[in-house]
Amino acid sequence: MRVAWTEAVPASPGWFPGQEAFSTYVPFGILAARWHLDAGKSAPTSVLMIEDDPAIADMYRVQLEHDGYRVSVAATAEVALNTLSEEGPDIVLLDLLLPDRSGFEMLAALNERFPNHPPVVILSNYGEPSMIDRGRSLGAVEYLVKSRVTPSEISAQIPAWIAHGRRGRQRES
């Protein structure tokens, strides 16, 4: 389906990622892309964000959903493990500081319980080389320091990380 950018539909005032100011109209083409109205589109990529800080989780969720991803947020490792069993996300974004266990413990549990788990990207406030090495040795495809990346940069890299995770599983088979 091809939609002219001049068509617009009323929208409630609000902020959308990538916009500088509030808007009362959103071009229909943006809505079509967001809601996957194009014929032949597959289901949106599913992201599980394991983050206990509601403000950070919401900031990433808004950007990722704006970019067409389906996002689930788990505030604890236990909720995340249940979500992994039930939903089977395509990728996991993992914070290291969780209320019920560390992100490293979470990643170890993930490796044990779900040997073919989706790729894991660690998003942490800690950037010490020893922590980065530990995260990668536990199988994280990437380790990023939150203050050095933006939600839109994370969003743009998700397809590459998923592809990297698939290639890694194919080599192991």
Protein backbone atom coordinates (compact mmCIF):
# COMPACT_ATOMS: atom_id res chain seq x y z
CA MET A 1 0.00 0.00 0.00
CA ARG A 2 1.34 3.42 -0.92
CA VAL A 3 0.20 6.44 1.06
CA ALA A 4 0.83 10.06 0.22
CA TRP A 5 2.69 11.94 2.93
CA THR A 6 0.26 14.83 2.60
CA GLU A 7 -2.55 12.79 4.11
CA ALA A 8 -2.83 13.34 7.84
CA VAL A 9 -5.07 12.10 10.59
CA PRO A 10 -5.86 13.85 13.85
CA ALA A 11 -3.84 12.61 16.80
CA SER A 12 -3.85 13.52 20.44
CA PRO A 13 -1.21 16.02 21.35
CA GLY A 14 1.88 14.28 22.65
CA TRP A 15 5.53 13.56 22.17
CA PHE A 16 6.76 11.02 19.66
CA PRO A 17 10.38 9.90 19.37
CA GLY A 18 12.16 11.91 16.72
CA GLN A 19 9.91 14.95 17.11
CA GLU A 20 11.14 18.18 18.63
CA ALA A 21 7.77 19.46 19.75
CA PHE A 22 4.19 18.45 20.37
CA SER A 23 1.98 17.84 17.39
CA THR A 24 -1.74 17.57 16.81
CA TYR A 25 -1.41 15.78 13.46
CA VAL A 26 0.60 12.72 12.52
CA PRO A 27 1.11 11.87 8.83
CA PHE A 28 -0.86 8.76 7.95
CA GLY A 29 2.27 7.22 6.39
CA ILE A 30 3.92 7.16 9.81
CA LEU A 31 0.91 5.45 11.32
CA ALA A 32 0.86 2.90 8.50
CA ALA A 33 4.50 2.05 9.12
CA ARG A 34 4.01 1.90 12.86
CA TRP A 35 0.99 -0.38 12.75
CA HIS A 36 2.41 -2.53 9.94
CA LEU A 37 -0.49 -1.93 7.53
CA ASP A 38 1.69 -2.95 4.59
CA ALA A 39 0.57 -6.29 3.20
CA GLY A 40 3.04 -9.11 3.66
CA LYS A 41 4.65 -7.71 6.81
CA SER A 42 5.49 -10.32 9.40
CA ALA A 43 4.73 -9.94 13.08
CA PRO A 44 6.80 -7.27 14.80
CA THR A 45 10.06 -8.25 16.42
CA SER A 46 9.56 -8.98 20.10
CA VAL A 47 11.90 -7.37 22.65
CA LEU A 48 12.11 -8.31 26.32
CA MET A 49 13.59 -5.50 28.39
CA ILE A 50 14.73 -6.55 31.85
CA GLU A 51 14.99 -3.24 33.71
CA ASP A 52 13.82 -2.34 37.22
CA ASP A 53 13.92 1.44 36.79
CA PRO A 54 10.47 2.41 35.46
CA ALA A 55 11.68 5.69 33.92
CA ILE A 56 14.47 4.01 31.95
CA ALA A 57 12.23 1.11 30.93
CA ASP A 58 9.55 3.52 29.72
CA MET A 59 12.06 5.64 27.78
CA TYR A 60 13.28 2.57 25.86
CA ARG A 61 9.78 1.10 25.47
CA VAL A 62 8.44 4.31 23.87
CA GLN A 63 11.31 4.45 21.35
CA LEU A 64 11.19 0.74 20.50
CA GLU A 65 7.41 0.70 20.08
CA HIS A 66 7.66 3.83 17.93
CA ASP A 67 10.12 1.91 15.73
CA GLY A 68 7.68 -0.99 15.36
CA TYR A 69 8.91 -3.45 17.99
CA ARG A 70 6.65 -5.28 20.41
CA VAL A 71 8.09 -4.67 23.90
CA SER A 72 7.64 -6.49 27.19
CA VAL A 73 9.24 -5.12 30.34
CA ALA A 74 10.22 -7.26 33.32
CA ALA A 75 11.37 -5.52 36.52
CA THR A 76 12.83 -8.67 38.10
CA ALA A 77 14.78 -11.72 36.93
CA GLU A 78 11.97 -14.03 38.05
CA VAL A 79 9.36 -12.18 35.98
CA ALA A 80 11.81 -12.18 33.05
CA LEU A 81 12.30 -15.96 33.21
CA ASN A 82 8.51 -16.47 33.22
CA THR A 83 8.13 -14.06 30.30
CA LEU A 84 10.82 -15.92 28.36
CA SER A 85 8.92 -19.19 28.82
CA GLU A 86 5.59 -17.72 27.80
CA GLU A 87 6.43 -15.22 25.06
CA GLY A 88 9.68 -16.32 23.40
CA PRO A 89 11.08 -12.87 22.55
CA ASP A 90 13.46 -12.33 19.63
CA ILE A 91 16.01 -10.41 21.76
CA VAL A 92 16.64 -9.55 25.41
CA LEU A 93 17.92 -6.21 26.72
CA LEU A 94 19.33 -6.89 30.20
CA ASP A 95 20.22 -4.52 33.04
CA LEU A 96 22.79 -5.85 35.53
CA LEU A 97 21.36 -4.37 38.72
CA LEU A 98 18.06 -6.12 39.44
CA PRO A 99 16.24 -6.38 42.78
CA ASP A 100 16.16 -10.19 43.02
CA ARG A 101 19.52 -11.16 41.47
CA SER A 102 22.30 -9.72 39.36
CA GLY A 103 22.07 -9.56 35.60
CA PHE A 104 25.04 -11.94 35.46
CA GLU A 105 23.11 -14.47 37.55
CA MET A 106 20.13 -13.90 35.27
CA LEU A 107 22.25 -14.57 32.18
CA ALA A 108 23.69 -17.75 33.74
CA ALA A 109 20.14 -18.94 34.55
CA LEU A 110 19.07 -18.12 31.02
CA ASN A 111 21.94 -20.20 29.61
CA GLU A 112 20.97 -23.11 31.86
CA ARG A 113 17.19 -23.05 31.43
CA PHE A 114 17.01 -21.93 27.79
CA PRO A 115 20.09 -23.21 25.89
CA ASN A 116 18.77 -21.71 22.61
CA HIS A 117 17.71 -18.42 24.18
CA PRO A 118 17.48 -15.24 22.11
CA PRO A 119 20.50 -12.94 21.89
CA VAL A 120 21.14 -10.88 25.02
CA VAL A 121 22.41 -7.30 25.01
CA ILE A 122 23.55 -5.98 28.38
CA LEU A 123 22.62 -2.35 29.08
CA SER A 124 24.30 -1.25 32.27
CA ASN A 125 25.49 1.81 34.13
CA TYR A 126 28.73 -0.06 34.85
CA GLY A 127 31.47 0.01 32.23
CA GLU A 128 34.40 -1.63 34.00
CA PRO A 129 36.41 -3.87 31.64
CA SER A 130 36.10 -6.86 34.00
CA MET A 131 32.29 -6.57 33.91
CA ILE A 132 32.26 -6.27 30.13
CA ASP A 133 34.47 -9.37 29.86
CA ARG A 134 32.22 -11.29 32.26
CA GLY A 135 29.08 -10.36 30.33
CA ARG A 136 30.57 -11.44 27.03
CA SER A 137 31.95 -14.66 28.52
CA LEU A 138 28.40 -15.49 29.64
CA GLY A 139 27.24 -15.08 26.04
CA ALA A 140 25.99 -11.50 25.70
CA VAL A 141 26.25 -10.39 22.06
CA GLU A 142 26.90 -6.82 23.21
CA TYR A 143 27.62 -4.90 26.41
CA LEU A 144 26.68 -1.21 26.38
CA VAL A 145 26.92 1.53 28.97
CA LYS A 146 23.57 3.34 29.16
CA SER A 147 25.09 6.81 29.36
CA ARG A 148 26.96 6.24 26.10
CA VAL A 149 24.02 5.18 23.90
CA THR A 150 20.55 6.44 23.09
CA PRO A 151 17.34 4.43 22.78
CA SER A 152 17.28 5.14 19.03
CA GLU A 153 20.82 3.74 18.64
CA ILE A 154 19.76 0.60 20.51
CA SER A 155 16.67 0.29 18.34
CA ALA A 156 18.68 0.60 15.12
CA GLN A 157 21.06 -2.21 16.16
CA ILE A 158 18.41 -4.79 17.12
CA PRO A 159 18.17 -6.48 13.69
CA ALA A 160 21.97 -6.94 13.56
CA TRP A 161 22.07 -8.38 17.08
CA ILE A 162 19.28 -10.83 16.26
CA ALA A 163 21.10 -11.90 13.08
CA HIS A 164 24.34 -12.30 15.07
CA GLY A 165 22.51 -14.47 17.60
CA ARG A 166 21.06 -16.68 14.86
CA ARG A 167 24.48 -17.13 13.23
CA GLY A 168 25.95 -18.11 16.61
CA ARG A 169 23.27 -20.77 17.18
CA GLN A 170 23.76 -22.18 13.67
CA ARG A 171 27.49 -22.63 14.30
CA GLU A 172 26.75 -24.47 17.56
CA SER A 173 24.35 -26.90 15.84
